[in-house]
Amino acid sequence: MKIHVLTLFPNMFTNFLQESMVGIAIEQNAIEVTLTDIRDFAHDKHRTTDDYPYGGGAGMVMKPEPLFEAINQVKLDRDIPVIYFTPQGKLLKQPDITAFSELDEVILLCGHYKEIDQRIRDSMVTEEFSIGDYVLSGGEIPAMVFIDAVARLQEGVLGDIDSALTDSHQNGMLGCPHYTRPPEFMGMEVPEVLISGNHKKIAEWRAEKALEITRRNRPDLLNDEK
């Protein structure tokens, strides 16, 4: 899978792309990440990529010309989805990640400042996503979230793909509690059912706990199932 990142701050990705599952995915050629500096497509001597908004108001808006040229430079007339990260976008969820992880290529557009020019959103952007109900300085961190999430679903990246398939949100609910050695820690013991060897009982316990945690922390997920 090829992931093209368009950003004003490519250096933010340097260490991120070398570490953990993302680094493993790149080493195994499961994903390929290219970084495009949007400033390279600003043609004035100051490499200007933003300007004041029409109509007044606080903040700066990213200019359409550098964004248009950067996106076209990557697309080269190919049909590649362009994902823009914005607080106005729909919430990025695990089914979205699963679907995107099966694509051959995707472009991630990282905005900055107040917004990007709406004409780019109208003419170039395929989908808009938010990673939560809060505002970040730019789209770089959401892009990293996206890359990490799709990387771990690529074949051969995780030691056991079932690890990903049983994560929170993969089946519409939150995950259950997990334990490892030692069986007793600071007076707290591992639930007996987990060391019983009864796989049917273990599965039932995990399903019950997952439902309990989802009902307590994210009841909206259960409502979505109705």
C-alpha atoms as a PDB file:
ATOM      1  CA  MET A   1       0.000   0.000   0.000  1.00  0.00           C
ATOM      2  CA  LYS A   2       1.342   3.440  -0.960  1.00  0.00           C
ATOM      3  CA  ILE A   3       0.501   6.360   1.307  1.00  0.00           C
ATOM      4  CA  HIS A   4       1.294   9.858   0.053  1.00  0.00           C
ATOM      5  CA  VAL A   5       1.419  12.545   2.747  1.00  0.00           C
ATOM      6  CA  LEU A   6       1.127  16.196   1.712  1.00  0.00           C
ATOM      7  CA  THR A   7       2.269  18.467   4.525  1.00  0.00           C
ATOM      8  CA  LEU A   8       3.971  21.738   5.412  1.00  0.00           C
ATOM      9  CA  PHE A   9       5.999  19.917   8.069  1.00  0.00           C
ATOM     10  CA  PRO A  10       7.487  16.689   6.660  1.00  0.00           C
ATOM     11  CA  ASN A  11      10.106  16.517   9.425  1.00  0.00           C
ATOM     12  CA  MET A  12       7.343  15.711  11.904  1.00  0.00           C
ATOM     13  CA  PHE A  13       7.182  12.230  10.351  1.00  0.00           C
ATOM     14  CA  THR A  14      10.894  11.377  10.482  1.00  0.00           C
ATOM     15  CA  ASN A  15      11.027   9.375  13.713  1.00  0.00           C
ATOM     16  CA  PHE A  16       7.431   8.215  13.494  1.00  0.00           C
ATOM     17  CA  LEU A  17       8.076   6.303  10.271  1.00  0.00           C
ATOM     18  CA  GLN A  18      11.035   4.458  11.792  1.00  0.00           C
ATOM     19  CA  GLU A  19       9.425   3.142  14.961  1.00  0.00           C
ATOM     20  CA  SER A  20       7.112   0.365  16.145  1.00  0.00           C
ATOM     21  CA  MET A  21       4.617  -1.287  13.777  1.00  0.00           C
ATOM     22  CA  VAL A  22       4.868   1.481  11.200  1.00  0.00           C
ATOM     23  CA  GLY A  23       8.621   0.969  10.943  1.00  0.00           C
ATOM     24  CA  ILE A  24       8.110  -2.788  10.653  1.00  0.00           C
ATOM     25  CA  ALA A  25       5.479  -2.326   7.944  1.00  0.00           C
ATOM     26  CA  ILE A  26       7.849  -0.124   5.936  1.00  0.00           C
ATOM     27  CA  GLU A  27      10.782  -2.539   6.388  1.00  0.00           C
ATOM     28  CA  GLN A  28       8.606  -5.388   5.133  1.00  0.00           C
ATOM     29  CA  ASN A  29       7.369  -3.303   2.186  1.00  0.00           C
ATOM     30  CA  ALA A  30       3.823  -3.732   3.431  1.00  0.00           C
ATOM     31  CA  ILE A  31       3.405   0.020   3.157  1.00  0.00           C
ATOM     32  CA  GLU A  32       5.342   2.755   1.407  1.00  0.00           C
ATOM     33  CA  VAL A  33       5.071   6.324   2.700  1.00  0.00           C
ATOM     34  CA  THR A  34       6.124   9.310   0.604  1.00  0.00           C
ATOM     35  CA  LEU A  35       6.291  12.846   1.995  1.00  0.00           C
ATOM     36  CA  THR A  36       5.563  15.865  -0.166  1.00  0.00           C
ATOM     37  CA  ASP A  37       6.359  19.346   1.145  1.00  0.00           C
ATOM     38  CA  ILE A  38       3.547  21.648   0.064  1.00  0.00           C
ATOM     39  CA  ARG A  39       5.922  24.633   0.288  1.00  0.00           C
ATOM     40  CA  ASP A  40       7.793  23.243  -2.719  1.00  0.00           C
ATOM     41  CA  PHE A  41       4.803  24.314  -4.803  1.00  0.00           C
ATOM     42  CA  ALA A  42       4.759  27.915  -3.617  1.00  0.00           C
ATOM     43  CA  HIS A  43       6.597  29.922  -6.260  1.00  0.00           C
ATOM     44  CA  ASP A  44       7.275  33.245  -4.550  1.00  0.00           C
ATOM     45  CA  LYS A  45      10.588  33.909  -2.810  1.00  0.00           C
ATOM     46  CA  HIS A  46       9.028  33.506   0.639  1.00  0.00           C
ATOM     47  CA  ARG A  47       7.396  30.153  -0.258  1.00  0.00           C
ATOM     48  CA  THR A  48       4.045  31.541   0.899  1.00  0.00           C
ATOM     49  CA  THR A  49       1.319  28.953   1.443  1.00  0.00           C
ATOM     50  CA  ASP A  50      -1.229  30.952   3.452  1.00  0.00           C
ATOM     51  CA  ASP A  51      -3.068  34.253   3.316  1.00  0.00           C
ATOM     52  CA  TYR A  52      -5.764  36.250   5.123  1.00  0.00           C
ATOM     53  CA  PRO A  53      -9.346  35.008   4.787  1.00  0.00           C
ATOM     54  CA  TYR A  54     -11.798  36.827   2.569  1.00  0.00           C
ATOM     55  CA  GLY A  55     -14.484  38.413   4.711  1.00  0.00           C
ATOM     56  CA  GLY A  56     -12.097  39.101   7.566  1.00  0.00           C
ATOM     57  CA  GLY A  57     -11.713  37.269  10.844  1.00  0.00           C
ATOM     58  CA  ALA A  58      -8.873  35.706  12.791  1.00  0.00           C
ATOM     59  CA  GLY A  59      -6.502  33.093  11.441  1.00  0.00           C
ATOM     60  CA  MET A  60      -4.910  32.307   8.096  1.00  0.00           C
ATOM     61  CA  VAL A  61      -6.097  30.127   5.226  1.00  0.00           C
ATOM     62  CA  MET A  62      -3.919  27.852   3.123  1.00  0.00           C
ATOM     63  CA  LYS A  63      -3.787  29.084  -0.475  1.00  0.00           C
ATOM     64  CA  PRO A  64      -5.322  26.938  -3.232  1.00  0.00           C
ATOM     65  CA  GLU A  65      -2.503  27.115  -5.807  1.00  0.00           C
ATOM     66  CA  PRO A  66       0.222  25.180  -3.887  1.00  0.00           C
ATOM     67  CA  LEU A  67      -2.311  22.593  -2.740  1.00  0.00           C
ATOM     68  CA  PHE A  68      -3.651  22.103  -6.266  1.00  0.00           C
ATOM     69  CA  GLU A  69      -0.188  21.642  -7.716  1.00  0.00           C
ATOM     70  CA  ALA A  70       0.965  19.318  -4.923  1.00  0.00           C
ATOM     71  CA  ILE A  71      -2.053  17.044  -5.246  1.00  0.00           C
ATOM     72  CA  ASN A  72      -1.772  16.890  -9.040  1.00  0.00           C
ATOM     73  CA  GLN A  73       1.954  16.171  -8.824  1.00  0.00           C
ATOM     74  CA  VAL A  74       1.177  13.070  -6.776  1.00  0.00           C
ATOM     75  CA  LYS A  75      -1.936  11.933  -8.611  1.00  0.00           C
ATOM     76  CA  LEU A  76      -0.573  12.261 -12.161  1.00  0.00           C
ATOM     77  CA  ASP A  77      -4.135  11.832 -13.486  1.00  0.00           C
ATOM     78  CA  ARG A  78      -4.563   8.603 -11.530  1.00  0.00           C
ATOM     79  CA  ASP A  79      -7.724   7.889  -9.557  1.00  0.00           C
ATOM     80  CA  ILE A  80      -6.361   8.068  -5.995  1.00  0.00           C
ATOM     81  CA  PRO A  81      -8.554   8.973  -2.996  1.00  0.00           C
ATOM     82  CA  VAL A  82      -7.586  12.266  -1.346  1.00  0.00           C
ATOM     83  CA  ILE A  83      -8.305  12.306   2.384  1.00  0.00           C
ATOM     84  CA  TYR A  84      -8.355  15.634   4.176  1.00  0.00           C
ATOM     85  CA  PHE A  85      -8.201  15.817   7.971  1.00  0.00           C
ATOM     86  CA  THR A  86     -10.388  18.537   9.485  1.00  0.00           C
ATOM     87  CA  PRO A  87     -12.498  19.005  12.651  1.00  0.00           C
ATOM     88  CA  GLN A  88     -15.440  19.378  10.264  1.00  0.00           C
ATOM     89  CA  GLY A  89     -14.987  15.870   8.909  1.00  0.00           C
ATOM     90  CA  LYS A  90     -16.835  12.740   9.922  1.00  0.00           C
ATOM     91  CA  LEU A  91     -15.319  10.672  12.718  1.00  0.00           C
ATOM     92  CA  LEU A  92     -12.697   8.218  11.490  1.00  0.00           C
ATOM     93  CA  LYS A  93     -13.734   4.747  12.653  1.00  0.00           C
ATOM     94  CA  GLN A  94     -12.316   1.262  12.447  1.00  0.00           C
ATOM     95  CA  PRO A  95     -14.505   0.167   9.497  1.00  0.00           C
ATOM     96  CA  ASP A  96     -13.084   3.131   7.553  1.00  0.00           C
ATOM     97  CA  ILE A  97      -9.541   2.064   8.448  1.00  0.00           C
ATOM     98  CA  THR A  98     -10.262  -1.519   7.416  1.00  0.00           C
ATOM     99  CA  ALA A  99     -11.625  -0.391   4.049  1.00  0.00           C
ATOM    100  CA  PHE A 100      -8.720   1.973   3.366  1.00  0.00           C
ATOM    101  CA  SER A 101      -6.167  -0.680   4.379  1.00  0.00           C
ATOM    102  CA  GLU A 102      -7.257  -2.729   1.357  1.00  0.00           C
ATOM    103  CA  LEU A 103      -6.519   0.031  -1.168  1.00  0.00           C
ATOM    104  CA  ASP A 104      -3.353   0.189  -3.250  1.00  0.00           C
ATOM    105  CA  GLU A 105      -2.828   3.920  -2.847  1.00  0.00           C
ATOM    106  CA  VAL A 106      -4.146   6.911  -0.904  1.00  0.00           C
ATOM    107  CA  ILE A 107      -3.260  10.592  -0.484  1.00  0.00           C
ATOM    108  CA  LEU A 108      -3.386  12.209   2.963  1.00  0.00           C
ATOM    109  CA  LEU A 109      -3.737  15.995   2.860  1.00  0.00           C
ATOM    110  CA  CYS A 110      -2.596  17.727   6.055  1.00  0.00           C
ATOM    111  CA  GLY A 111      -4.049  21.168   6.471  1.00  0.00           C
ATOM    112  CA  HIS A 112      -2.701  23.802   8.839  1.00  0.00           C
ATOM    113  CA  TYR A 113      -3.640  27.207  10.195  1.00  0.00           C
ATOM    114  CA  LYS A 114      -7.368  28.084  10.200  1.00  0.00           C
ATOM    115  CA  GLU A 115      -8.335  25.971   7.208  1.00  0.00           C
ATOM    116  CA  ILE A 116      -7.509  25.286   3.575  1.00  0.00           C
ATOM    117  CA  ASP A 117      -9.220  27.140   0.742  1.00  0.00           C
ATOM    118  CA  GLN A 118     -12.688  25.652   0.297  1.00  0.00           C
ATOM    119  CA  ARG A 119     -12.209  25.383  -3.468  1.00  0.00           C
ATOM    120  CA  ILE A 120      -9.621  22.644  -2.925  1.00  0.00           C
ATOM    121  CA  ARG A 121     -12.036  20.786  -0.700  1.00  0.00           C
ATOM    122  CA  ASP A 122     -14.769  21.079  -3.300  1.00  0.00           C
ATOM    123  CA  SER A 123     -12.677  20.073  -6.303  1.00  0.00           C
ATOM    124  CA  MET A 124      -9.866  17.807  -5.078  1.00  0.00           C
ATOM    125  CA  VAL A 125     -10.780  16.142  -1.768  1.00  0.00           C
ATOM    126  CA  THR A 126     -12.501  12.753  -1.829  1.00  0.00           C
ATOM    127  CA  GLU A 127     -13.295  12.347   1.883  1.00  0.00           C
ATOM    128  CA  GLU A 128     -12.931  14.423   5.040  1.00  0.00           C
ATOM    129  CA  PHE A 129     -12.242  12.898   8.443  1.00  0.00           C
ATOM    130  CA  SER A 130     -11.750  13.992  12.044  1.00  0.00           C
ATOM    131  CA  ILE A 131     -10.097  11.839  14.710  1.00  0.00           C
ATOM    132  CA  GLY A 132     -12.073  13.396  17.572  1.00  0.00           C
ATOM    133  CA  ASP A 133     -14.078  16.325  18.852  1.00  0.00           C
ATOM    134  CA  TYR A 134     -11.131  18.617  19.468  1.00  0.00           C
ATOM    135  CA  VAL A 135      -8.894  20.870  17.400  1.00  0.00           C
ATOM    136  CA  LEU A 136      -5.224  20.220  16.572  1.00  0.00           C
ATOM    137  CA  SER A 137      -2.721  22.573  14.979  1.00  0.00           C
ATOM    138  CA  GLY A 138      -2.731  20.626  11.735  1.00  0.00           C
ATOM    139  CA  GLY A 139      -3.454  17.350  10.004  1.00  0.00           C
ATOM    140  CA  GLU A 140      -0.073  15.749  10.653  1.00  0.00           C
ATOM    141  CA  ILE A 141      -1.058  13.909  13.836  1.00  0.00           C
ATOM    142  CA  PRO A 142      -4.313  12.594  12.306  1.00  0.00           C
ATOM    143  CA  ALA A 143      -2.259  11.435   9.315  1.00  0.00           C
ATOM    144  CA  MET A 144       0.044   9.525  11.672  1.00  0.00           C
ATOM    145  CA  VAL A 145      -2.993   7.967  13.330  1.00  0.00           C
ATOM    146  CA  PHE A 146      -4.251   6.862   9.930  1.00  0.00           C
ATOM    147  CA  ILE A 147      -0.884   5.429   8.876  1.00  0.00           C
ATOM    148  CA  ASP A 148      -0.434   3.491  12.114  1.00  0.00           C
ATOM    149  CA  ALA A 149      -3.965   2.107  11.968  1.00  0.00           C
ATOM    150  CA  VAL A 150      -3.745   0.855   8.379  1.00  0.00           C
ATOM    151  CA  ALA A 151      -0.157  -0.386   8.738  1.00  0.00           C
ATOM    152  CA  ARG A 152      -1.008  -2.871  11.471  1.00  0.00           C
ATOM    153  CA  LEU A 153      -3.698  -4.429   9.267  1.00  0.00           C
ATOM    154  CA  GLN A 154      -1.298  -5.197   6.430  1.00  0.00           C
ATOM    155  CA  GLU A 155      -0.404  -8.840   5.938  1.00  0.00           C
ATOM    156  CA  GLY A 156       2.644  -9.963   7.918  1.00  0.00           C
ATOM    157  CA  VAL A 157       3.042  -6.809  10.022  1.00  0.00           C
ATOM    158  CA  LEU A 158       1.621  -8.220  13.241  1.00  0.00           C
ATOM    159  CA  GLY A 159       2.847 -11.589  14.439  1.00  0.00           C
ATOM    160  CA  ASP A 160      -0.774 -12.768  14.546  1.00  0.00           C
ATOM    161  CA  ILE A 161      -3.442 -10.892  12.585  1.00  0.00           C
ATOM    162  CA  ASP A 162      -6.021 -12.183  15.076  1.00  0.00           C
ATOM    163  CA  SER A 163      -4.483  -9.703  17.511  1.00  0.00           C
ATOM    164  CA  ALA A 164      -5.822  -6.871  15.347  1.00  0.00           C
ATOM    165  CA  LEU A 165      -9.107  -8.571  14.571  1.00  0.00           C
ATOM    166  CA  THR A 166      -9.944  -8.832  18.281  1.00  0.00           C
ATOM    167  CA  ASP A 167      -9.065  -5.219  19.139  1.00  0.00           C
ATOM    168  CA  SER A 168     -11.502  -2.609  20.383  1.00  0.00           C
ATOM    169  CA  HIS A 169     -13.867  -1.318  17.662  1.00  0.00           C
ATOM    170  CA  GLN A 170     -13.013  -4.120  15.244  1.00  0.00           C
ATOM    171  CA  ASN A 171     -16.373  -5.767  15.939  1.00  0.00           C
ATOM    172  CA  GLY A 172     -18.265  -2.660  16.989  1.00  0.00           C
ATOM    173  CA  MET A 173     -17.500  -2.889  20.701  1.00  0.00           C
ATOM    174  CA  LEU A 174     -14.642  -2.150  23.059  1.00  0.00           C
ATOM    175  CA  GLY A 175     -12.172  -4.860  24.010  1.00  0.00           C
ATOM    176  CA  CYS A 176     -12.158  -6.989  27.139  1.00  0.00           C
ATOM    177  CA  PRO A 177      -9.547  -6.890  29.951  1.00  0.00           C
ATOM    178  CA  HIS A 178      -6.267  -8.746  29.378  1.00  0.00           C
ATOM    179  CA  TYR A 179      -3.771 -10.276  31.798  1.00  0.00           C
ATOM    180  CA  THR A 180      -0.313 -11.865  31.606  1.00  0.00           C
ATOM    181  CA  ARG A 181       2.250 -13.341  34.011  1.00  0.00           C
ATOM    182  CA  PRO A 182       2.590 -13.351  36.970  1.00  0.00           C
ATOM    183  CA  PRO A 183      -0.744 -14.850  38.070  1.00  0.00           C
ATOM    184  CA  GLU A 184      -0.661 -12.697  41.231  1.00  0.00           C
ATOM    185  CA  PHE A 185       0.552  -9.107  41.431  1.00  0.00           C
ATOM    186  CA  MET A 186       0.335  -6.887  44.522  1.00  0.00           C
ATOM    187  CA  GLY A 187      -2.457  -9.028  45.889  1.00  0.00           C
ATOM    188  CA  MET A 188      -4.446  -8.914  42.655  1.00  0.00           C
ATOM    189  CA  GLU A 189      -5.043 -12.240  40.946  1.00  0.00           C
ATOM    190  CA  VAL A 190      -5.819 -13.138  37.356  1.00  0.00           C
ATOM    191  CA  PRO A 191      -9.489 -14.180  36.989  1.00  0.00           C
ATOM    192  CA  GLU A 192      -9.681 -17.915  37.500  1.00  0.00           C
ATOM    193  CA  VAL A 193     -11.593 -18.532  34.278  1.00  0.00           C
ATOM    194  CA  LEU A 194      -8.615 -17.323  32.214  1.00  0.00           C
ATOM    195  CA  ILE A 195      -6.332 -20.013  33.601  1.00  0.00           C
ATOM    196  CA  SER A 196      -8.985 -22.734  33.593  1.00  0.00           C
ATOM    197  CA  GLY A 197      -8.212 -23.975  30.076  1.00  0.00           C
ATOM    198  CA  ASN A 198     -11.936 -23.953  29.275  1.00  0.00           C
ATOM    199  CA  HIS A 199     -11.947 -22.035  25.995  1.00  0.00           C
ATOM    200  CA  LYS A 200     -15.732 -21.839  25.804  1.00  0.00           C
ATOM    201  CA  LYS A 201     -15.943 -20.264  29.255  1.00  0.00           C
ATOM    202  CA  ILE A 202     -13.050 -17.920  28.427  1.00  0.00           C
ATOM    203  CA  ALA A 203     -14.807 -16.736  25.251  1.00  0.00           C
ATOM    204  CA  GLU A 204     -18.023 -16.165  27.184  1.00  0.00           C
ATOM    205  CA  TRP A 205     -16.176 -14.212  29.915  1.00  0.00           C
ATOM    206  CA  ARG A 206     -14.423 -12.011  27.365  1.00  0.00           C
ATOM    207  CA  ALA A 207     -17.670 -11.285  25.513  1.00  0.00           C
ATOM    208  CA  GLU A 208     -19.418 -10.438  28.785  1.00  0.00           C
ATOM    209  CA  LYS A 209     -16.624  -8.116  29.922  1.00  0.00           C
ATOM    210  CA  ALA A 210     -16.427  -6.429  26.505  1.00  0.00           C
ATOM    211  CA  LEU A 211     -20.146  -5.716  26.654  1.00  0.00           C
ATOM    212  CA  GLU A 212     -19.837  -4.443  30.233  1.00  0.00           C
ATOM    213  CA  ILE A 213     -16.984  -2.052  29.370  1.00  0.00           C
ATOM    214  CA  THR A 214     -18.730  -0.845  26.207  1.00  0.00           C
ATOM    215  CA  ARG A 215     -21.965  -0.201  28.082  1.00  0.00           C
ATOM    216  CA  ARG A 216     -20.087   1.770  30.753  1.00  0.00           C
ATOM    217  CA  ASN A 217     -17.629   3.766  28.602  1.00  0.00           C
ATOM    218  CA  ARG A 218     -19.185   3.985  25.126  1.00  0.00           C
ATOM    219  CA  PRO A 219     -22.923   3.237  25.232  1.00  0.00           C
ATOM    220  CA  ASP A 220     -23.237   5.076  21.918  1.00  0.00           C
ATOM    221  CA  LEU A 221     -21.546   2.111  20.225  1.00  0.00           C
ATOM    222  CA  LEU A 222     -24.336  -0.155  21.409  1.00  0.00           C
ATOM    223  CA  ASN A 223     -26.912   2.332  20.206  1.00  0.00           C
ATOM    224  CA  ASP A 224     -25.256   2.301  16.808  1.00  0.00           C
ATOM    225  CA  GLU A 225     -25.847  -1.427  16.602  1.00  0.00           C
ATOM    226  CA  LYS A 226     -29.618  -1.021  16.909  1.00  0.00           C
END
